[in-house]
Every structure is written in structure tokens, then in C-alpha cells.
Amino acid sequence: METINLGKVSIVYRGDYSEIITYNKMDVVFDGYSSYISKVASNTGNSLSDTNYWGYVAKGQQILSGPTENRPTIVSIGIQYFDTTLSKPIWYNGASWVDSNGLIV
């Protein structure tokens, strides 16, 4: 368990969220790709979407991955895909998949 001291305020990172663990006020949990902070003491079994108990800290992004032939076909500009055939990350620019050098791949 890591405590981050912010002067008069400190938070405790408690790892992945579990509905059976009791969290204290200012405990931070991870759920998939996002982080939440407990707003109350004795926080047990409350859904992370319940804003009375949890505050949204940061939303992560799931990186899609797979072989070239499985690249998503319906995507928005900027989406990242790790192409396992090419062994590198690529991005959709609105017209094509490109690598970090801007080359179409």
C-alpha cells in the first residue's frame, strides 16, 4: 500500500477495487483503466458509479491489440492499436493507420 504525502493531505493507493473491502476517506482504488477516490470513511460495497461515495480521479484508455487483419474498422481519429503482426503501436489518423513516424502501415 503506497501513501502519497501531499502536505496536509495524503491519499492511500489501495489497489484494485473490491466490494468486500472497507475503504477509508481518501483511499484511491483502480478499476480496469480508471481511478476513484473514496469520499467517505467506512466505504464498503458501494458502487464506483455512486458519486455519494466515490469521486472519479482519472480515466484510462484501453489499448486495443491484435494482428493486422483484426484492426478495428469503425474507429475515431487518434485511436491507438497495438499491431501484433508489426510488433508496434499504430494510430488511426482519420483515413489510414499510421506508425509513430506518420507512415501508413
PDB file of N, CA and C in Angstrom:
ATOM      1  N   MET A   1       0.837  -1.162   0.000  1.00  0.00           N
ATOM      2  CA  MET A   1       0.000   0.000   0.000  1.00  0.00           C
ATOM      3  C   MET A   1       0.891   1.236   0.000  1.00  0.00           C
ATOM      4  N   GLU A   2       0.679   2.122  -0.957  1.00  0.00           N
ATOM      5  CA  GLU A   2       1.521   3.310  -1.085  1.00  0.00           C
ATOM      6  C   GLU A   2       0.775   4.543  -0.595  1.00  0.00           C
ATOM      7  N   THR A   3       1.404   5.310   0.284  1.00  0.00           N
ATOM      8  CA  THR A   3       0.840   6.571   0.745  1.00  0.00           C
ATOM      9  C   THR A   3       1.576   7.700   0.051  1.00  0.00           C
ATOM     10  N   ILE A   4       0.820   8.617  -0.526  1.00  0.00           N
ATOM     11  CA  ILE A   4       1.407   9.772  -1.183  1.00  0.00           C
ATOM     12  C   ILE A   4       1.120  10.980  -0.311  1.00  0.00           C
ATOM     13  N   ASN A   5       2.162  11.580   0.233  1.00  0.00           N
ATOM     14  CA  ASN A   5       2.013  12.715   1.130  1.00  0.00           C
ATOM     15  C   ASN A   5       1.916  13.998   0.327  1.00  0.00           C
ATOM     16  N   LEU A   6       0.819  14.715   0.498  1.00  0.00           N
ATOM     17  CA  LEU A   6       0.612  15.976  -0.195  1.00  0.00           C
ATOM     18  C   LEU A   6       0.594  17.130   0.804  1.00  0.00           C
ATOM     19  N   GLY A   7       1.474  17.062   1.798  1.00  0.00           N
ATOM     20  CA  GLY A   7       1.490  18.082   2.846  1.00  0.00           C
ATOM     21  C   GLY A   7       0.439  17.758   3.881  1.00  0.00           C
ATOM     22  N   LYS A   8      -0.598  18.561   3.964  1.00  0.00           N
ATOM     23  CA  LYS A   8      -1.664  18.344   4.941  1.00  0.00           C
ATOM     24  C   LYS A   8      -2.673  17.298   4.477  1.00  0.00           C
ATOM     25  N   VAL A   9      -2.549  16.865   3.230  1.00  0.00           N
ATOM     26  CA  VAL A   9      -3.471  15.884   2.669  1.00  0.00           C
ATOM     27  C   VAL A   9      -2.654  14.694   2.197  1.00  0.00           C
ATOM     28  N   SER A  10      -3.126  13.507   2.451  1.00  0.00           N
ATOM     29  CA  SER A  10      -2.446  12.341   1.883  1.00  0.00           C
ATOM     30  C   SER A  10      -3.493  11.353   1.412  1.00  0.00           C
ATOM     31  N   ILE A  11      -3.141  10.617   0.373  1.00  0.00           N
ATOM     32  CA  ILE A  11      -4.018   9.586  -0.156  1.00  0.00           C
ATOM     33  C   ILE A  11      -3.310   8.247  -0.034  1.00  0.00           C
ATOM     34  N   VAL A  12      -4.093   7.203   0.000  1.00  0.00           N
ATOM     35  CA  VAL A  12      -3.541   5.852   0.071  1.00  0.00           C
ATOM     36  C   VAL A  12      -4.049   5.068  -1.123  1.00  0.00           C
ATOM     37  N   TYR A  13      -3.125   4.567  -1.925  1.00  0.00           N
ATOM     38  CA  TYR A  13      -3.499   3.723  -3.048  1.00  0.00           C
ATOM     39  C   TYR A  13      -3.772   2.325  -2.519  1.00  0.00           C
ATOM     40  N   ARG A  14      -4.993   1.815  -2.755  1.00  0.00           N
ATOM     41  CA  ARG A  14      -5.407   0.523  -2.202  1.00  0.00           C
ATOM     42  C   ARG A  14      -5.502  -0.588  -3.237  1.00  0.00           C
ATOM     43  N   GLY A  15      -5.044  -0.352  -4.448  1.00  0.00           N
ATOM     44  CA  GLY A  15      -5.063  -1.402  -5.464  1.00  0.00           C
ATOM     45  C   GLY A  15      -6.395  -1.510  -6.170  1.00  0.00           C
ATOM     46  N   ASP A  16      -6.683  -2.680  -6.703  1.00  0.00           N
ATOM     47  CA  ASP A  16      -7.927  -2.904  -7.433  1.00  0.00           C
ATOM     48  C   ASP A  16      -9.125  -2.858  -6.493  1.00  0.00           C
ATOM     49  N   TYR A  17     -10.213  -2.266  -6.957  1.00  0.00           N
ATOM     50  CA  TYR A  17     -11.437  -2.146  -6.172  1.00  0.00           C
ATOM     51  C   TYR A  17     -12.022  -3.524  -5.854  1.00  0.00           C
ATOM     52  N   SER A  18     -12.531  -3.671  -4.640  1.00  0.00           N
ATOM     53  CA  SER A  18     -13.255  -4.867  -4.231  1.00  0.00           C
ATOM     54  C   SER A  18     -14.442  -4.434  -3.382  1.00  0.00           C
ATOM     55  N   GLU A  19     -15.597  -4.968  -3.667  1.00  0.00           N
ATOM     56  CA  GLU A  19     -16.802  -4.584  -2.916  1.00  0.00           C
ATOM     57  C   GLU A  19     -16.798  -5.126  -1.491  1.00  0.00           C
ATOM     58  N   ILE A  20     -15.881  -6.033  -1.159  1.00  0.00           N
ATOM     59  CA  ILE A  20     -15.855  -6.586   0.202  1.00  0.00           C
ATOM     60  C   ILE A  20     -14.837  -5.903   1.115  1.00  0.00           C
ATOM     61  N   ILE A  21     -14.027  -5.010   0.542  1.00  0.00           N
ATOM     62  CA  ILE A  21     -13.041  -4.280   1.349  1.00  0.00           C
ATOM     63  C   ILE A  21     -13.670  -2.985   1.857  1.00  0.00           C
ATOM     64  N   THR A  22     -13.354  -2.623   3.089  1.00  0.00           N
ATOM     65  CA  THR A  22     -13.800  -1.339   3.628  1.00  0.00           C
ATOM     66  C   THR A  22     -12.713  -0.301   3.372  1.00  0.00           C
ATOM     67  N   TYR A  23     -13.101   0.782   2.708  1.00  0.00           N
ATOM     68  CA  TYR A  23     -12.160   1.845   2.359  1.00  0.00           C
ATOM     69  C   TYR A  23     -12.366   3.048   3.274  1.00  0.00           C
ATOM     70  N   ASN A  24     -11.288   3.766   3.510  1.00  0.00           N
ATOM     71  CA  ASN A  24     -11.333   4.989   4.287  1.00  0.00           C
ATOM     72  C   ASN A  24     -11.466   6.185   3.353  1.00  0.00           C
ATOM     73  N   LYS A  25     -11.822   7.313   3.913  1.00  0.00           N
ATOM     74  CA  LYS A  25     -11.865   8.545   3.143  1.00  0.00           C
ATOM     75  C   LYS A  25     -10.460   8.815   2.594  1.00  0.00           C
ATOM     76  N   MET A  26     -10.375   9.189   1.338  1.00  0.00           N
ATOM     77  CA  MET A  26      -9.139   9.497   0.613  1.00  0.00           C
ATOM     78  C   MET A  26      -8.386   8.264   0.110  1.00  0.00           C
ATOM     79  N   ASP A  27      -8.947   7.063   0.270  1.00  0.00           N
ATOM     80  CA  ASP A  27      -8.345   5.880  -0.342  1.00  0.00           C
ATOM     81  C   ASP A  27      -8.615   5.927  -1.844  1.00  0.00           C
ATOM     82  N   VAL A  28      -7.610   5.558  -2.631  1.00  0.00           N
ATOM     83  CA  VAL A  28      -7.742   5.533  -4.078  1.00  0.00           C
ATOM     84  C   VAL A  28      -7.709   4.087  -4.548  1.00  0.00           C
ATOM     85  N   VAL A  29      -8.639   3.752  -5.446  1.00  0.00           N
ATOM     86  CA  VAL A  29      -8.706   2.398  -5.997  1.00  0.00           C
ATOM     87  C   VAL A  29      -8.645   2.467  -7.515  1.00  0.00           C
ATOM     88  N   PHE A  30      -8.297   1.350  -8.087  1.00  0.00           N
ATOM     89  CA  PHE A  30      -8.173   1.203  -9.529  1.00  0.00           C
ATOM     90  C   PHE A  30      -9.244   0.229  -9.986  1.00  0.00           C
ATOM     91  N   ASP A  31      -9.903   0.528 -11.094  1.00  0.00           N
ATOM     92  CA  ASP A  31     -10.912  -0.371 -11.641  1.00  0.00           C
ATOM     93  C   ASP A  31     -10.755  -0.414 -13.155  1.00  0.00           C
ATOM     94  N   GLY A  32     -10.177  -1.479 -13.640  1.00  0.00           N
ATOM     95  CA  GLY A  32      -9.949  -1.574 -15.071  1.00  0.00           C
ATOM     96  C   GLY A  32      -8.920  -0.562 -15.512  1.00  0.00           C
ATOM     97  N   TYR A  33      -9.385   0.523 -16.086  1.00  0.00           N
ATOM     98  CA  TYR A  33      -8.484   1.547 -16.596  1.00  0.00           C
ATOM     99  C   TYR A  33      -8.698   2.902 -15.937  1.00  0.00           C
ATOM    100  N   SER A  34      -9.473   2.958 -14.872  1.00  0.00           N
ATOM    101  CA  SER A  34      -9.792   4.224 -14.223  1.00  0.00           C
ATOM    102  C   SER A  34      -9.493   4.185 -12.731  1.00  0.00           C
ATOM    103  N   SER A  35      -9.361   5.373 -12.121  1.00  0.00           N
ATOM    104  CA  SER A  35      -9.086   5.502 -10.692  1.00  0.00           C
ATOM    105  C   SER A  35     -10.196   6.296 -10.021  1.00  0.00           C
ATOM    106  N   TYR A  36     -10.485   5.936  -8.767  1.00  0.00           N
ATOM    107  CA  TYR A  36     -11.535   6.590  -7.983  1.00  0.00           C
ATOM    108  C   TYR A  36     -11.015   6.839  -6.575  1.00  0.00           C
ATOM    109  N   ILE A  37     -11.555   7.878  -5.924  1.00  0.00           N
ATOM    110  CA  ILE A  37     -11.164   8.198  -4.556  1.00  0.00           C
ATOM    111  C   ILE A  37     -12.398   8.135  -3.663  1.00  0.00           C
ATOM    112  N   SER A  38     -12.241   7.508  -2.504  1.00  0.00           N
ATOM    113  CA  SER A  38     -13.348   7.387  -1.564  1.00  0.00           C
ATOM    114  C   SER A  38     -13.626   8.738  -0.915  1.00  0.00           C
ATOM    115  N   LYS A  39     -14.888   9.143  -0.928  1.00  0.00           N
ATOM    116  CA  LYS A  39     -15.300  10.414  -0.336  1.00  0.00           C
ATOM    117  C   LYS A  39     -15.665  10.282   1.136  1.00  0.00           C
ATOM    118  N   VAL A  40     -15.842   9.034   1.599  1.00  0.00           N
ATOM    119  CA  VAL A  40     -16.322   8.808   2.964  1.00  0.00           C
ATOM    120  C   VAL A  40     -15.502   7.732   3.662  1.00  0.00           C
ATOM    121  N   ALA A  41     -15.568   7.729   4.977  1.00  0.00           N
ATOM    122  CA  ALA A  41     -14.961   6.653   5.776  1.00  0.00           C
ATOM    123  C   ALA A  41     -15.916   5.463   5.788  1.00  0.00           C
ATOM    124  N   SER A  42     -15.403   4.304   6.101  1.00  0.00           N
ATOM    125  CA  SER A  42     -16.206   3.074   6.187  1.00  0.00           C
ATOM    126  C   SER A  42     -16.998   2.822   4.909  1.00  0.00           C
ATOM    127  N   ASN A  43     -16.333   2.934   3.795  1.00  0.00           N
ATOM    128  CA  ASN A  43     -16.953   2.784   2.478  1.00  0.00           C
ATOM    129  C   ASN A  43     -16.827   1.326   2.033  1.00  0.00           C
ATOM    130  N   THR A  44     -17.919   0.575   2.167  1.00  0.00           N
ATOM    131  CA  THR A  44     -17.919  -0.848   1.813  1.00  0.00           C
ATOM    132  C   THR A  44     -19.085  -1.164   0.899  1.00  0.00           C
ATOM    133  N   GLY A  45     -18.815  -1.832  -0.213  1.00  0.00           N
ATOM    134  CA  GLY A  45     -19.869  -2.338  -1.079  1.00  0.00           C
ATOM    135  C   GLY A  45     -20.581  -1.303  -1.920  1.00  0.00           C
ATOM    136  N   ASN A  46     -20.129  -0.065  -1.901  1.00  0.00           N
ATOM    137  CA  ASN A  46     -20.780   0.977  -2.698  1.00  0.00           C
ATOM    138  C   ASN A  46     -20.192   1.000  -4.105  1.00  0.00           C
ATOM    139  N   SER A  47     -21.064   1.070  -5.095  1.00  0.00           N
ATOM    140  CA  SER A  47     -20.643   1.076  -6.487  1.00  0.00           C
ATOM    141  C   SER A  47     -19.751   2.267  -6.786  1.00  0.00           C
ATOM    142  N   LEU A  48     -18.734   2.051  -7.614  1.00  0.00           N
ATOM    143  CA  LEU A  48     -17.845   3.139  -8.003  1.00  0.00           C
ATOM    144  C   LEU A  48     -18.584   4.239  -8.767  1.00  0.00           C
ATOM    145  N   SER A  49     -19.735   3.915  -9.328  1.00  0.00           N
ATOM    146  CA  SER A  49     -20.514   4.922 -10.050  1.00  0.00           C
ATOM    147  C   SER A  49     -21.384   5.772  -9.118  1.00  0.00           C
ATOM    148  N   ASP A  50     -21.436   5.405  -7.830  1.00  0.00           N
ATOM    149  CA  ASP A  50     -22.228   6.171  -6.856  1.00  0.00           C
ATOM    150  C   ASP A  50     -21.413   7.366  -6.381  1.00  0.00           C
ATOM    151  N   THR A  51     -21.736   8.538  -6.893  1.00  0.00           N
ATOM    152  CA  THR A  51     -20.955   9.742  -6.607  1.00  0.00           C
ATOM    153  C   THR A  51     -21.121  10.252  -5.180  1.00  0.00           C
ATOM    154  N   ASN A  52     -22.009   9.658  -4.398  1.00  0.00           N
ATOM    155  CA  ASN A  52     -22.095   9.993  -2.973  1.00  0.00           C
ATOM    156  C   ASN A  52     -20.920   9.402  -2.202  1.00  0.00           C
ATOM    157  N   TYR A  53     -20.340   8.320  -2.740  1.00  0.00           N
ATOM    158  CA  TYR A  53     -19.267   7.597  -2.062  1.00  0.00           C
ATOM    159  C   TYR A  53     -17.913   7.692  -2.754  1.00  0.00           C
ATOM    160  N   TRP A  54     -17.938   7.842  -4.090  1.00  0.00           N
ATOM    161  CA  TRP A  54     -16.696   7.797  -4.862  1.00  0.00           C
ATOM    162  C   TRP A  54     -16.568   9.001  -5.781  1.00  0.00           C
ATOM    163  N   GLY A  55     -15.339   9.500  -5.897  1.00  0.00           N
ATOM    164  CA  GLY A  55     -15.027  10.564  -6.848  1.00  0.00           C
ATOM    165  C   GLY A  55     -14.165  10.001  -7.953  1.00  0.00           C
ATOM    166  N   TYR A  56     -14.453  10.427  -9.141  1.00  0.00           N
ATOM    167  CA  TYR A  56     -13.714   9.990 -10.315  1.00  0.00           C
ATOM    168  C   TYR A  56     -12.400  10.753 -10.378  1.00  0.00           C
ATOM    169  N   VAL A  57     -11.272  10.046 -10.433  1.00  0.00           N
ATOM    170  CA  VAL A  57      -9.969  10.699 -10.439  1.00  0.00           C
ATOM    171  C   VAL A  57      -9.405  10.778 -11.856  1.00  0.00           C
ATOM    172  N   ALA A  58      -9.327   9.654 -12.525  1.00  0.00           N
ATOM    173  CA  ALA A  58      -8.740   9.639 -13.867  1.00  0.00           C
ATOM    174  C   ALA A  58      -9.276   8.480 -14.676  1.00  0.00           C
ATOM    175  N   LYS A  59      -9.543   8.756 -15.930  1.00  0.00           N
ATOM    176  CA  LYS A  59      -9.991   7.712 -16.825  1.00  0.00           C
ATOM    177  C   LYS A  59      -8.823   7.269 -17.685  1.00  0.00           C
ATOM    178  N   GLY A  60      -8.587   5.981 -17.698  1.00  0.00           N
ATOM    179  CA  GLY A  60      -7.537   5.441 -18.550  1.00  0.00           C
ATOM    180  C   GLY A  60      -8.095   5.034 -19.893  1.00  0.00           C
ATOM    181  N   GLN A  61      -7.235   4.554 -20.727  1.00  0.00           N
ATOM    182  CA  GLN A  61      -7.634   4.116 -22.051  1.00  0.00           C
ATOM    183  C   GLN A  61      -7.167   2.694 -22.276  1.00  0.00           C
ATOM    184  N   GLN A  62      -8.081   1.874 -22.689  1.00  0.00           N
ATOM    185  CA  GLN A  62      -7.717   0.504 -23.026  1.00  0.00           C
ATOM    186  C   GLN A  62      -7.053   0.514 -24.390  1.00  0.00           C
ATOM    187  N   ILE A  63      -5.891  -0.088 -24.488  1.00  0.00           N
ATOM    188  CA  ILE A  63      -5.194  -0.185 -25.761  1.00  0.00           C
ATOM    189  C   ILE A  63      -5.645  -1.470 -26.449  1.00  0.00           C
ATOM    190  N   LEU A  64      -6.251  -1.310 -27.592  1.00  0.00           N
ATOM    191  CA  LEU A  64      -6.682  -2.465 -28.374  1.00  0.00           C
ATOM    192  C   LEU A  64      -5.453  -3.094 -29.006  1.00  0.00           C
ATOM    193  N   SER A  65      -5.486  -4.406 -29.205  1.00  0.00           N
ATOM    194  CA  SER A  65      -4.349  -5.064 -29.830  1.00  0.00           C
ATOM    195  C   SER A  65      -4.786  -6.311 -30.576  1.00  0.00           C
ATOM    196  N   GLY A  66      -3.939  -6.725 -31.491  1.00  0.00           N
ATOM    197  CA  GLY A  66      -4.191  -7.933 -32.254  1.00  0.00           C
ATOM    198  C   GLY A  66      -3.426  -7.874 -33.566  1.00  0.00           C
ATOM    199  N   PRO A  67      -3.628  -8.891 -34.408  1.00  0.00           N
ATOM    200  CA  PRO A  67      -2.925  -8.925 -35.692  1.00  0.00           C
ATOM    201  C   PRO A  67      -3.486  -7.885 -36.668  1.00  0.00           C
ATOM    202  N   THR A  68      -2.712  -7.598 -37.698  1.00  0.00           N
ATOM    203  CA  THR A  68      -3.104  -6.604 -38.710  1.00  0.00           C
ATOM    204  C   THR A  68      -4.513  -6.845 -39.226  1.00  0.00           C
ATOM    205  N   GLU A  69      -4.850  -8.083 -39.514  1.00  0.00           N
ATOM    206  CA  GLU A  69      -6.162  -8.383 -40.116  1.00  0.00           C
ATOM    207  C   GLU A  69      -7.344  -8.145 -39.166  1.00  0.00           C
ATOM    208  N   ASN A  70      -7.073  -7.956 -37.879  1.00  0.00           N
ATOM    209  CA  ASN A  70      -8.146  -7.715 -36.906  1.00  0.00           C
ATOM    210  C   ASN A  70      -8.251  -6.259 -36.466  1.00  0.00           C
ATOM    211  N   ARG A  71      -7.598  -5.348 -37.161  1.00  0.00           N
ATOM    212  CA  ARG A  71      -7.704  -3.933 -36.804  1.00  0.00           C
ATOM    213  C   ARG A  71      -9.173  -3.504 -36.819  1.00  0.00           C
ATOM    214  N   PRO A  72      -9.554  -2.652 -35.888  1.00  0.00           N
ATOM    215  CA  PRO A  72     -10.940  -2.170 -35.878  1.00  0.00           C
ATOM    216  C   PRO A  72     -11.261  -1.428 -37.173  1.00  0.00           C
ATOM    217  N   THR A  73     -12.490  -1.561 -37.634  1.00  0.00           N
ATOM    218  CA  THR A  73     -12.898  -0.881 -38.867  1.00  0.00           C
ATOM    219  C   THR A  73     -13.731   0.366 -38.586  1.00  0.00           C
ATOM    220  N   ILE A  74     -14.369   0.420 -37.436  1.00  0.00           N
ATOM    221  CA  ILE A  74     -15.132   1.606 -37.054  1.00  0.00           C
ATOM    222  C   ILE A  74     -14.394   2.242 -35.883  1.00  0.00           C
ATOM    223  N   VAL A  75     -13.637   3.305 -36.164  1.00  0.00           N
ATOM    224  CA  VAL A  75     -12.805   3.937 -35.149  1.00  0.00           C
ATOM    225  C   VAL A  75     -12.850   5.450 -35.291  1.00  0.00           C
ATOM    226  N   SER A  76     -12.449   6.136 -34.259  1.00  0.00           N
ATOM    227  CA  SER A  76     -12.355   7.589 -34.317  1.00  0.00           C
ATOM    228  C   SER A  76     -10.896   7.997 -34.458  1.00  0.00           C
ATOM    229  N   ILE A  77     -10.688   9.220 -34.890  1.00  0.00           N
ATOM    230  CA  ILE A  77      -9.337   9.743 -35.089  1.00  0.00           C
ATOM    231  C   ILE A  77      -8.567   9.689 -33.774  1.00  0.00           C
ATOM    232  N   GLY A  78      -7.330   9.209 -33.847  1.00  0.00           N
ATOM    233  CA  GLY A  78      -6.453   9.164 -32.684  1.00  0.00           C
ATOM    234  C   GLY A  78      -6.457   7.862 -31.918  1.00  0.00           C
ATOM    235  N   ILE A  79      -7.354   6.940 -32.259  1.00  0.00           N
ATOM    236  CA  ILE A  79      -7.403   5.666 -31.524  1.00  0.00           C
ATOM    237  C   ILE A  79      -6.098   4.910 -31.748  1.00  0.00           C
ATOM    238  N   GLN A  80      -5.611   4.288 -30.686  1.00  0.00           N
ATOM    239  CA  GLN A  80      -4.366   3.529 -30.772  1.00  0.00           C
ATOM    240  C   GLN A  80      -4.677   2.044 -30.843  1.00  0.00           C
ATOM    241  N   TYR A  81      -3.850   1.321 -31.579  1.00  0.00           N
ATOM    242  CA  TYR A  81      -3.967  -0.127 -31.727  1.00  0.00           C
ATOM    243  C   TYR A  81      -2.553  -0.690 -31.727  1.00  0.00           C
ATOM    244  N   PHE A  82      -2.312  -1.708 -30.903  1.00  0.00           N
ATOM    245  CA  PHE A  82      -1.004  -2.359 -30.946  1.00  0.00           C
ATOM    246  C   PHE A  82      -1.107  -3.516 -31.931  1.00  0.00           C
ATOM    247  N   ASP A  83      -0.440  -3.363 -33.058  1.00  0.00           N
ATOM    248  CA  ASP A  83      -0.479  -4.370 -34.120  1.00  0.00           C
ATOM    249  C   ASP A  83       0.549  -5.448 -33.801  1.00  0.00           C
ATOM    250  N   THR A  84       0.066  -6.624 -33.427  1.00  0.00           N
ATOM    251  CA  THR A  84       0.971  -7.710 -33.031  1.00  0.00           C
ATOM    252  C   THR A  84       1.697  -8.317 -34.236  1.00  0.00           C
ATOM    253  N   THR A  85       1.163  -8.153 -35.436  1.00  0.00           N
ATOM    254  CA  THR A  85       1.862  -8.611 -36.633  1.00  0.00           C
ATOM    255  C   THR A  85       3.101  -7.749 -36.871  1.00  0.00           C
ATOM    256  N   LEU A  86       2.942  -6.427 -36.682  1.00  0.00           N
ATOM    257  CA  LEU A  86       4.049  -5.483 -36.882  1.00  0.00           C
ATOM    258  C   LEU A  86       4.896  -5.298 -35.623  1.00  0.00           C
ATOM    259  N   SER A  87       4.368  -5.736 -34.491  1.00  0.00           N
ATOM    260  CA  SER A  87       5.017  -5.566 -33.182  1.00  0.00           C
ATOM    261  C   SER A  87       5.274  -4.095 -32.847  1.00  0.00           C
ATOM    262  N   LYS A  88       4.261  -3.255 -33.100  1.00  0.00           N
ATOM    263  CA  LYS A  88       4.389  -1.845 -32.747  1.00  0.00           C
ATOM    264  C   LYS A  88       3.018  -1.182 -32.660  1.00  0.00           C
ATOM    265  N   PRO A  89       2.948  -0.080 -31.911  1.00  0.00           N
ATOM    266  CA  PRO A  89       1.692   0.663 -31.822  1.00  0.00           C
ATOM    267  C   PRO A  89       1.451   1.478 -33.090  1.00  0.00           C
ATOM    268  N   ILE A  90       0.186   1.602 -33.458  1.00  0.00           N
ATOM    269  CA  ILE A  90      -0.202   2.413 -34.602  1.00  0.00           C
ATOM    270  C   ILE A  90      -1.422   3.240 -34.209  1.00  0.00           C
ATOM    271  N   TRP A  91      -1.719   4.297 -34.991  1.00  0.00           N
ATOM    272  CA  TRP A  91      -2.832   5.181 -34.705  1.00  0.00           C
ATOM    273  C   TRP A  91      -3.636   5.418 -35.968  1.00  0.00           C
ATOM    274  N   TYR A  92      -4.946   5.672 -35.770  1.00  0.00           N
ATOM    275  CA  TYR A  92      -5.803   5.980 -36.907  1.00  0.00           C
ATOM    276  C   TYR A  92      -5.860   7.493 -37.067  1.00  0.00           C
ATOM    277  N   ASN A  93      -5.553   7.995 -38.269  1.00  0.00           N
ATOM    278  CA  ASN A  93      -5.497   9.439 -38.496  1.00  0.00           C
ATOM    279  C   ASN A  93      -6.747  10.003 -39.180  1.00  0.00           C
ATOM    280  N   GLY A  94      -7.761   9.186 -39.322  1.00  0.00           N
ATOM    281  CA  GLY A  94      -8.986   9.617 -39.987  1.00  0.00           C
ATOM    282  C   GLY A  94      -9.134   9.035 -41.379  1.00  0.00           C
ATOM    283  N   ALA A  95      -8.018   8.574 -41.941  1.00  0.00           N
ATOM    284  CA  ALA A  95      -8.047   7.972 -43.267  1.00  0.00           C
ATOM    285  C   ALA A  95      -7.277   6.657 -43.316  1.00  0.00           C
ATOM    286  N   SER A  96      -6.203   6.562 -42.509  1.00  0.00           N
ATOM    287  CA  SER A  96      -5.321   5.391 -42.553  1.00  0.00           C
ATOM    288  C   SER A  96      -4.745   5.105 -41.177  1.00  0.00           C
ATOM    289  N   TRP A  97      -4.223   3.901 -41.021  1.00  0.00           N
ATOM    290  CA  TRP A  97      -3.450   3.549 -39.832  1.00  0.00           C
ATOM    291  C   TRP A  97      -2.014   3.973 -40.088  1.00  0.00           C
ATOM    292  N   VAL A  98      -1.408   4.684 -39.126  1.00  0.00           N
ATOM    293  CA  VAL A  98      -0.039   5.160 -39.277  1.00  0.00           C
ATOM    294  C   VAL A  98       0.785   4.773 -38.055  1.00  0.00           C
ATOM    295  N   ASP A  99       2.109   4.693 -38.268  1.00  0.00           N
ATOM    296  CA  ASP A  99       3.002   4.401 -37.141  1.00  0.00           C
ATOM    297  C   ASP A  99       3.480   5.716 -36.536  1.00  0.00           C
ATOM    298  N   SER A 100       4.392   5.639 -35.579  1.00  0.00           N
ATOM    299  CA  SER A 100       4.849   6.836 -34.873  1.00  0.00           C
ATOM    300  C   SER A 100       5.627   7.811 -35.763  1.00  0.00           C
ATOM    301  N   ASN A 101       6.029   7.353 -36.936  1.00  0.00           N
ATOM    302  CA  ASN A 101       6.708   8.222 -37.900  1.00  0.00           C
ATOM    303  C   ASN A 101       5.735   8.825 -38.910  1.00  0.00           C
ATOM    304  N   GLY A 102       4.459   8.500 -38.761  1.00  0.00           N
ATOM    305  CA  GLY A 102       3.447   9.014 -39.689  1.00  0.00           C
ATOM    306  C   GLY A 102       3.311   8.226 -40.979  1.00  0.00           C
ATOM    307  N   LEU A 103       4.038   7.101 -41.055  1.00  0.00           N
ATOM    308  CA  LEU A 103       3.985   6.271 -42.253  1.00  0.00           C
ATOM    309  C   LEU A 103       2.759   5.366 -42.224  1.00  0.00           C
ATOM    310  N   ILE A 104       2.069   5.241 -43.346  1.00  0.00           N
ATOM    311  CA  ILE A 104       0.910   4.354 -43.425  1.00  0.00           C
ATOM    312  C   ILE A 104       1.367   2.919 -43.300  1.00  0.00           C
ATOM    313  N   VAL A 105       0.702   2.182 -42.428  1.00  0.00           N
ATOM    314  CA  VAL A 105       1.067   0.777 -42.174  1.00  0.00           C
ATOM    315  C   VAL A 105      -0.138  -0.132 -42.365  1.00  0.00           C
TER     316      VAL A 105
END
